[in-house]
Amino acid sequence: MKLSIVIPVYNEVSLVAECVRRVLAVDIGMEKELILVDDGSTDGTREQYERIRQEHPGQNLRFLLHSHNRGKGAALRTGFAQATGQIVLVQDADLEYDPRDYPRLLAPILDGKADVVYGSRFVGGDAHRVLLFWHMVGNKLLTLLSNALTNLNLTDMETCYKVFRREVLDGIRLTSNGFEFEPEITAKVARLGCRIYEVGVSYSGRDYSEGKKINWKDGLKALQAIIRFRFQG
């Protein structure tokens, strides 16, 4: 059994090496491959990759480069196409999410209960940094609308942590380039009738002064995407 961890990266020069170290440090009892997709970074992130490779000899690390910034969805499509594991997990490079949560994310799939697992920031008793009230409100409103149109009862549709059985991704055609990936994949796994589980995860969110990239414009695009993908295959 192999886990493919797909990491979209854009301008994370100060965090990408630590992200790789933390992902590799997690013991999940199976083979791991890390696929980092650099989405046109211009801050020196790309210059880190050879050093990262040298720091971790013998590890299954791959670095894929986009010539210019295309968006998170495009980076994930590139990574998914190269993933060879039976299970595929999305990890952001900014370390808002803790790789030590992998065992609980993987458990419903390994137990044969789930096809897809979402890691929710809004359930469970794990540590969460307190900040950005309106960002939280926006997330919950988008999740509510997505649930209404997909007939799911998720608490956190916009979460980074999404885990898929390989067969699920093989059965879906993804088209979104940006953060609209989240409502698109949610609508499409719902349409497939996938068994979806949610588990609580810890969260250490950044504010905009610390490099957070998603903003209200992305929220409007996500709103449009929720409606579009309810009816678009």
Protein backbone atom coordinates (compact mmCIF):
# COMPACT_ATOMS: atom_id res chain seq x y z
CA MET A 1 0.00 0.00 0.00
CA LYS A 2 1.33 3.44 -0.96
CA LEU A 3 0.18 6.94 0.00
CA SER A 4 0.71 9.73 -2.55
CA ILE A 5 0.91 13.14 -0.88
CA VAL A 6 0.35 15.96 -3.37
CA ILE A 7 1.63 19.35 -2.21
CA PRO A 8 0.82 22.45 -4.29
CA VAL A 9 3.47 25.11 -3.63
CA TYR A 10 3.43 28.80 -4.46
CA ASN A 11 5.91 31.26 -2.91
CA GLU A 12 6.60 29.35 0.34
CA VAL A 13 10.37 29.82 0.52
CA SER A 14 10.44 29.92 4.33
CA LEU A 15 8.18 26.90 4.89
CA VAL A 16 8.52 24.35 2.10
CA ALA A 17 11.58 22.55 3.52
CA GLU A 18 9.98 22.27 6.96
CA CYS A 19 6.76 21.01 5.38
CA VAL A 20 8.65 18.18 3.69
CA ARG A 21 10.47 17.32 6.93
CA ARG A 22 7.22 17.10 8.87
CA VAL A 23 5.47 15.01 6.23
CA LEU A 24 8.35 12.55 6.05
CA ALA A 25 8.53 12.32 9.86
CA VAL A 26 4.98 10.95 10.19
CA ASP A 27 4.83 7.18 10.64
CA ILE A 28 1.77 5.86 8.81
CA GLY A 29 2.87 2.25 8.32
CA MET A 30 2.98 2.41 4.54
CA GLU A 31 5.13 3.70 1.71
CA LYS A 32 4.91 7.41 0.98
CA GLU A 33 5.60 9.40 -2.16
CA LEU A 34 5.71 13.19 -2.02
CA ILE A 35 4.80 15.11 -5.15
CA LEU A 36 5.49 18.83 -4.86
CA VAL A 37 3.98 20.90 -7.66
CA ASP A 38 5.54 24.36 -7.81
CA ASP A 39 2.97 26.68 -9.33
CA GLY A 40 5.30 29.33 -10.70
CA SER A 41 7.00 30.48 -7.48
CA THR A 42 9.13 33.62 -7.81
CA ASP A 43 10.38 34.13 -4.23
CA GLY A 44 13.26 31.64 -4.23
CA THR A 45 11.16 28.58 -3.37
CA ARG A 46 12.37 26.74 -6.47
CA GLU A 47 15.97 27.13 -5.39
CA GLN A 48 15.14 25.07 -2.27
CA TYR A 49 14.25 21.84 -4.08
CA GLU A 50 17.70 20.43 -4.76
CA ARG A 51 18.73 21.07 -1.15
CA ILE A 52 15.55 19.37 0.06
CA ARG A 53 16.30 16.36 -2.13
CA GLN A 54 19.84 16.15 -0.72
CA GLU A 55 18.53 16.38 2.85
CA HIS A 56 16.36 13.30 2.34
CA PRO A 57 18.35 10.71 0.37
CA GLY A 58 16.43 7.61 -0.58
CA GLN A 59 13.03 9.26 -0.08
CA ASN A 60 10.46 9.21 -2.87
CA LEU A 61 10.36 12.93 -3.66
CA ARG A 62 9.28 14.48 -6.92
CA PHE A 63 9.28 18.14 -7.88
CA LEU A 64 7.08 19.26 -10.76
CA LEU A 65 7.30 22.83 -12.05
CA HIS A 66 4.69 25.05 -13.68
CA SER A 67 6.24 27.75 -15.86
CA HIS A 68 3.83 30.35 -14.44
CA ASN A 69 1.20 30.62 -11.72
CA ARG A 70 -1.94 28.74 -12.75
CA GLY A 71 -3.68 28.19 -9.42
CA LYS A 72 -4.14 25.51 -6.77
CA GLY A 73 -6.56 23.44 -8.82
CA ALA A 74 -4.18 23.30 -11.76
CA ALA A 75 -1.31 22.30 -9.47
CA LEU A 76 -3.38 19.51 -7.95
CA ARG A 77 -4.40 18.20 -11.37
CA THR A 78 -0.72 18.01 -12.31
CA GLY A 79 0.09 16.17 -9.09
CA PHE A 80 -2.86 13.77 -9.28
CA ALA A 81 -1.86 12.77 -12.80
CA GLN A 82 1.58 11.71 -11.51
CA ALA A 83 0.44 10.00 -8.29
CA THR A 84 0.99 6.24 -8.15
CA GLY A 85 -0.38 5.43 -4.69
CA GLN A 86 -3.60 3.60 -3.92
CA ILE A 87 -4.50 6.53 -1.63
CA VAL A 88 -3.98 10.22 -2.48
CA LEU A 89 -3.84 13.01 0.12
CA VAL A 90 -3.70 16.79 -0.39
CA GLN A 91 -1.25 18.72 1.82
CA ASP A 92 -0.73 22.49 1.62
CA ALA A 93 2.85 23.72 1.94
CA ASP A 94 2.05 26.51 4.39
CA LEU A 95 1.83 24.25 7.48
CA GLU A 96 -1.58 25.53 8.56
CA TYR A 97 -2.43 21.82 8.70
CA ASP A 98 -0.43 19.30 10.74
CA PRO A 99 0.81 16.10 9.03
CA ARG A 100 0.59 14.33 12.39
CA ASP A 101 -3.15 14.11 11.64
CA TYR A 102 -2.51 11.65 8.78
CA PRO A 103 -3.32 8.49 10.79
CA ARG A 104 -6.82 9.71 11.65
CA LEU A 105 -7.39 10.93 8.10
CA LEU A 106 -6.38 7.57 6.65
CA ALA A 107 -8.19 5.36 9.16
CA PRO A 108 -11.70 5.40 7.57
CA ILE A 109 -10.24 4.41 4.18
CA LEU A 110 -7.92 1.76 5.60
CA ASP A 111 -10.83 0.34 7.60
CA GLY A 112 -12.83 -0.05 4.37
CA LYS A 113 -15.49 2.43 5.47
CA ALA A 114 -14.75 5.43 3.25
CA ASP A 115 -13.81 6.35 -0.29
CA VAL A 116 -13.11 10.00 0.59
CA VAL A 117 -12.14 11.67 3.88
CA TYR A 118 -12.30 15.38 4.70
CA GLY A 119 -10.35 16.83 7.63
CA SER A 120 -12.60 19.36 9.34
CA ARG A 121 -11.34 22.39 11.24
CA PHE A 122 -14.73 22.80 12.89
CA VAL A 123 -15.28 19.46 14.67
CA GLY A 124 -13.34 17.70 17.38
CA GLY A 125 -11.28 18.93 20.30
CA ASP A 126 -7.97 19.59 18.57
CA ALA A 127 -5.97 22.81 18.92
CA HIS A 128 -6.96 25.70 16.66
CA ARG A 129 -5.42 29.12 16.37
CA VAL A 130 -8.02 31.86 16.93
CA LEU A 131 -8.19 34.50 14.18
CA LEU A 132 -10.07 35.81 11.11
CA PHE A 133 -13.74 35.74 12.11
CA TRP A 134 -15.04 36.70 8.67
CA HIS A 135 -12.90 34.06 6.99
CA MET A 136 -14.55 31.46 9.23
CA VAL A 137 -18.00 32.85 8.45
CA GLY A 138 -17.27 32.71 4.72
CA ASN A 139 -16.11 29.11 4.98
CA LYS A 140 -19.27 28.09 6.83
CA LEU A 141 -21.56 29.88 4.40
CA LEU A 142 -19.87 28.23 1.41
CA THR A 143 -20.10 24.85 3.13
CA LEU A 144 -23.80 25.40 3.85
CA LEU A 145 -24.60 26.25 0.24
CA SER A 146 -22.50 23.35 -1.03
CA ASN A 147 -24.33 20.99 1.33
CA ALA A 148 -27.71 22.28 0.17
CA LEU A 149 -26.85 21.53 -3.46
CA THR A 150 -25.04 18.21 -2.91
CA ASN A 151 -27.22 16.86 -0.07
CA LEU A 152 -24.16 16.29 2.11
CA ASN A 153 -23.70 17.36 5.74
CA LEU A 154 -20.05 18.42 5.75
CA THR A 155 -18.85 20.95 8.30
CA ASP A 156 -15.81 22.13 6.29
CA MET A 157 -16.02 21.85 2.51
CA GLU A 158 -13.12 24.29 2.02
CA THR A 159 -10.60 22.28 4.06
CA CYS A 160 -7.20 21.53 2.57
CA TYR A 161 -7.16 18.00 3.97
CA LYS A 162 -8.92 15.75 1.49
CA VAL A 163 -7.99 12.08 1.03
CA PHE A 164 -9.15 9.86 -1.85
CA ARG A 165 -9.00 6.27 -2.89
CA ARG A 166 -7.18 6.28 -6.23
CA GLU A 167 -10.24 4.91 -8.04
CA VAL A 168 -12.27 7.98 -7.02
CA LEU A 169 -9.88 10.41 -8.68
CA ASP A 170 -9.66 8.19 -11.75
CA GLY A 171 -13.43 8.49 -12.12
CA ILE A 172 -13.53 12.30 -12.01
CA ARG A 173 -12.59 14.90 -14.61
CA LEU A 174 -11.39 18.05 -12.83
CA THR A 175 -11.31 21.42 -14.59
CA SER A 176 -10.84 24.15 -11.97
CA ASN A 177 -7.57 26.07 -11.90
CA GLY A 178 -7.95 27.99 -8.65
CA PHE A 179 -9.48 27.51 -5.21
CA GLU A 180 -12.72 26.51 -6.97
CA PHE A 181 -11.19 23.03 -6.83
CA GLU A 182 -12.78 22.57 -3.39
CA PRO A 183 -16.45 22.93 -4.43
CA GLU A 184 -15.78 21.12 -7.71
CA ILE A 185 -14.32 17.99 -6.12
CA THR A 186 -17.04 18.03 -3.45
CA ALA A 187 -19.85 18.18 -6.01
CA LYS A 188 -18.28 15.43 -8.09
CA VAL A 189 -17.61 12.95 -5.28
CA ALA A 190 -21.18 13.55 -4.11
CA ARG A 191 -22.50 12.85 -7.61
CA LEU A 192 -20.51 9.60 -7.72
CA GLY A 193 -22.17 8.47 -4.50
CA CYS A 194 -18.83 8.11 -2.70
CA ARG A 195 -18.74 7.15 0.95
CA ILE A 196 -17.49 10.38 2.51
CA TYR A 197 -16.20 10.62 6.08
CA GLU A 198 -15.12 13.67 8.06
CA VAL A 199 -12.61 13.73 10.93
CA GLY A 200 -11.51 16.60 13.13
CA VAL A 201 -8.03 18.02 12.54
CA SER A 202 -5.90 20.66 14.21
CA TYR A 203 -5.43 24.00 12.50
CA SER A 204 -2.84 26.76 12.81
CA GLY A 205 -4.13 29.37 10.39
CA ARG A 206 -2.10 32.27 9.09
CA ASP A 207 -3.31 35.83 8.69
CA TYR A 208 -2.61 37.91 5.59
CA SER A 209 0.51 39.53 7.06
CA GLU A 210 1.94 36.01 7.40
CA GLY A 211 1.32 35.07 3.78
CA LYS A 212 -2.26 33.79 3.61
CA LYS A 213 -3.29 33.88 -0.04
CA ILE A 214 -7.02 33.16 -0.25
CA ASN A 215 -9.27 36.25 -0.10
CA TRP A 216 -12.85 37.44 -0.63
CA LYS A 217 -12.49 37.29 -4.42
CA ASP A 218 -11.72 33.58 -4.14
CA GLY A 219 -14.84 33.26 -2.01
CA LEU A 220 -16.96 34.75 -4.79
CA LYS A 221 -15.41 32.37 -7.31
CA ALA A 222 -16.13 29.46 -4.97
CA LEU A 223 -19.74 30.60 -4.67
CA GLN A 224 -20.10 30.61 -8.45
CA ALA A 225 -18.39 27.23 -8.66
CA ILE A 226 -20.76 25.65 -6.11
CA ILE A 227 -23.71 26.58 -8.28
CA ARG A 228 -22.01 25.70 -11.57
CA PHE A 229 -20.80 22.26 -10.55
CA ARG A 230 -24.18 21.32 -9.10
CA PHE A 231 -25.36 21.03 -12.70
CA GLN A 232 -22.11 20.59 -14.67
CA GLY A 233 -20.53 17.16 -15.00
